């Protein structure tokens, strides 16, 4: 039995990839990107920012460390190149990290790609989800 394809048989994966890249052009500054798990947020981020520093909060040891002490993010950022993009995956798991993210954006103009599978958790907690003065950033997508 052949696996089910979501694309027409005459299209191959390269055609779909090209279309995908055109649709998702990243903003200039830092931004949020939300979507259900498994839709390709991480893959897109890695292809778009191949030299990015990845912080995956699905890694339980990283999650526990940052949940206990969010300021560890600031210490980790000091070890990176000044222009290195940081991809923070599953950011909704530790909402307190967004204060450190905002501090880094304002202090060093570092660029962040904040990936998450649920904006609801950020909107329902007392979370700094702005990173700028735009109060709608948790839903609009842009942080700076």
Protein backbone atom coordinates (compact mmCIF):
# COMPACT_ATOMS: atom_id res chain seq x y z
CA UNK A 1 0.00 0.00 0.00
CA UNK A 2 1.34 3.42 -0.96
CA UNK A 3 1.42 6.18 1.66
CA UNK A 4 -1.20 8.89 1.27
CA UNK A 5 0.11 12.09 -0.35
CA UNK A 6 -1.26 15.50 0.41
CA UNK A 7 -0.01 16.94 -2.88
CA UNK A 8 -1.18 16.12 -6.36
CA UNK A 9 0.80 13.21 -7.84
CA UNK A 10 2.35 15.45 -10.52
CA UNK A 11 3.89 17.72 -7.87
CA UNK A 12 7.00 16.64 -6.07
CA UNK A 13 8.37 17.81 -2.72
CA UNK A 14 10.68 20.39 -4.30
CA UNK A 15 7.70 22.27 -5.74
CA UNK A 16 6.03 22.30 -2.35
CA UNK A 17 9.26 23.51 -0.68
CA UNK A 18 9.65 26.42 -3.09
CA UNK A 19 6.07 27.49 -2.46
CA UNK A 20 6.62 27.18 1.30
CA UNK A 21 9.70 29.42 1.24
CA UNK A 22 7.92 32.14 -0.70
CA UNK A 23 5.02 32.24 1.73
CA UNK A 24 7.15 32.49 4.88
CA UNK A 25 9.52 35.40 4.44
CA UNK A 26 10.84 36.30 7.90
CA UNK A 27 10.36 39.81 9.31
CA UNK A 28 13.48 41.94 9.78
CA UNK A 29 13.50 41.91 13.58
CA UNK A 30 12.59 39.37 16.22
CA UNK A 31 9.26 37.61 15.89
CA UNK A 32 6.92 34.93 17.22
CA UNK A 33 5.88 32.00 15.04
CA UNK A 34 3.07 29.83 16.39
CA UNK A 35 1.61 26.62 15.02
CA UNK A 36 0.62 23.16 16.13
CA UNK A 37 3.43 20.70 16.76
CA UNK A 38 4.75 18.93 13.71
CA UNK A 39 3.96 21.52 11.03
CA UNK A 40 7.60 22.39 10.29
CA UNK A 41 8.34 25.50 12.36
CA UNK A 42 11.75 24.18 13.45
CA UNK A 43 12.66 22.95 9.96
CA UNK A 44 11.73 26.32 8.45
CA UNK A 45 13.74 28.18 11.12
CA UNK A 46 16.81 25.97 10.55
CA UNK A 47 16.61 26.41 6.77
CA UNK A 48 16.05 30.16 7.04
CA UNK A 49 18.66 30.76 9.77
CA UNK A 50 21.25 27.96 9.34
CA UNK A 51 23.78 29.50 11.77
CA UNK A 52 21.24 30.20 14.51
CA UNK A 53 21.75 29.14 18.10
CA UNK A 54 18.91 26.74 19.01
CA UNK A 55 17.41 26.57 22.49
CA UNK A 56 14.86 23.76 22.62
CA UNK A 57 12.59 23.86 25.66
CA UNK A 58 11.27 20.38 24.87
CA UNK A 59 14.65 19.18 26.14
CA UNK A 60 13.64 18.45 29.72
CA UNK A 61 16.99 19.36 31.30
CA UNK A 62 17.05 22.74 29.49
CA UNK A 63 13.42 23.32 30.43
CA UNK A 64 14.05 22.57 34.12
CA UNK A 65 17.13 24.84 34.19
CA UNK A 66 15.38 27.81 32.59
CA UNK A 67 12.17 27.30 34.58
CA UNK A 68 14.18 27.42 37.82
CA UNK A 69 16.37 30.33 36.73
CA UNK A 70 15.32 32.33 33.61
CA UNK A 71 18.37 34.59 33.97
CA UNK A 72 20.48 31.67 32.66
CA UNK A 73 19.34 32.76 29.20
CA UNK A 74 21.18 36.07 29.60
CA UNK A 75 24.34 34.22 30.62
CA UNK A 76 24.08 31.89 27.62
CA UNK A 77 23.55 34.79 25.23
CA UNK A 78 26.81 36.40 26.38
CA UNK A 79 28.74 33.43 24.96
CA UNK A 80 27.32 33.91 21.45
CA UNK A 81 28.44 36.14 18.59
CA UNK A 82 26.73 39.54 18.71
CA UNK A 83 24.92 39.04 15.38
CA UNK A 84 23.94 35.38 15.92
CA UNK A 85 20.20 34.73 15.66
CA UNK A 86 18.67 32.78 18.55
CA UNK A 87 15.82 30.33 17.92
CA UNK A 88 13.87 29.66 21.11
CA UNK A 89 11.59 26.64 20.66
CA UNK A 90 8.40 26.02 22.66
CA UNK A 91 8.74 29.43 24.31
CA UNK A 92 5.31 29.09 25.96
CA UNK A 93 6.76 26.48 28.34
CA UNK A 94 8.75 29.15 30.24
CA UNK A 95 6.97 32.49 29.78
CA UNK A 96 9.39 34.22 32.19
CA UNK A 97 12.12 33.90 29.53
CA UNK A 98 10.40 36.63 27.54
CA UNK A 99 11.67 39.24 30.01
CA UNK A 100 15.24 38.11 29.24
CA UNK A 101 14.44 38.13 25.52
CA UNK A 102 13.16 41.70 25.71
CA UNK A 103 16.23 42.77 27.68
CA UNK A 104 18.51 41.26 25.02
CA UNK A 105 16.57 42.85 22.17
CA UNK A 106 16.68 46.29 23.76
CA UNK A 107 20.22 46.03 25.12
CA UNK A 108 22.09 44.34 22.27
CA UNK A 109 19.61 44.38 19.36
CA UNK A 110 19.91 40.58 19.21
CA UNK A 111 17.43 38.89 16.86
CA UNK A 112 15.16 36.14 18.18
CA UNK A 113 12.89 33.65 16.45
CA UNK A 114 10.38 32.57 19.09
CA UNK A 115 8.63 29.34 18.16
CA UNK A 116 5.65 27.97 20.02
CA UNK A 117 2.76 25.60 19.74
CA UNK A 118 0.38 27.62 21.93
CA UNK A 119 -0.06 31.37 22.21
CA UNK A 120 -2.93 30.74 24.64
CA UNK A 121 -0.60 29.98 27.55
CA UNK A 122 1.29 33.24 27.01
CA UNK A 123 -1.91 35.27 26.76
CA UNK A 124 -3.52 33.71 29.86
CA UNK A 125 -0.54 34.15 32.18
CA UNK A 126 0.92 37.41 33.42
CA UNK A 127 3.56 37.39 30.71
CA UNK A 128 5.65 40.05 29.05
CA UNK A 129 4.93 39.00 25.49
CA UNK A 130 5.68 42.31 23.89
CA UNK A 131 9.38 42.85 23.46
CA UNK A 132 8.28 46.23 22.16
CA UNK A 133 5.56 48.71 22.93
CA UNK A 134 3.01 46.94 20.72
CA UNK A 135 0.57 45.34 23.16
CA UNK A 136 -0.79 42.94 20.55
CA UNK A 137 2.53 41.16 19.90
CA UNK A 138 1.39 37.84 21.39
CA UNK A 139 -1.17 37.59 18.65
CA UNK A 140 0.27 39.71 15.85
CA UNK A 141 3.60 37.94 15.54
CA UNK A 142 6.19 40.73 15.65
CA UNK A 143 8.36 41.58 18.63
CA UNK A 144 10.36 44.47 17.25
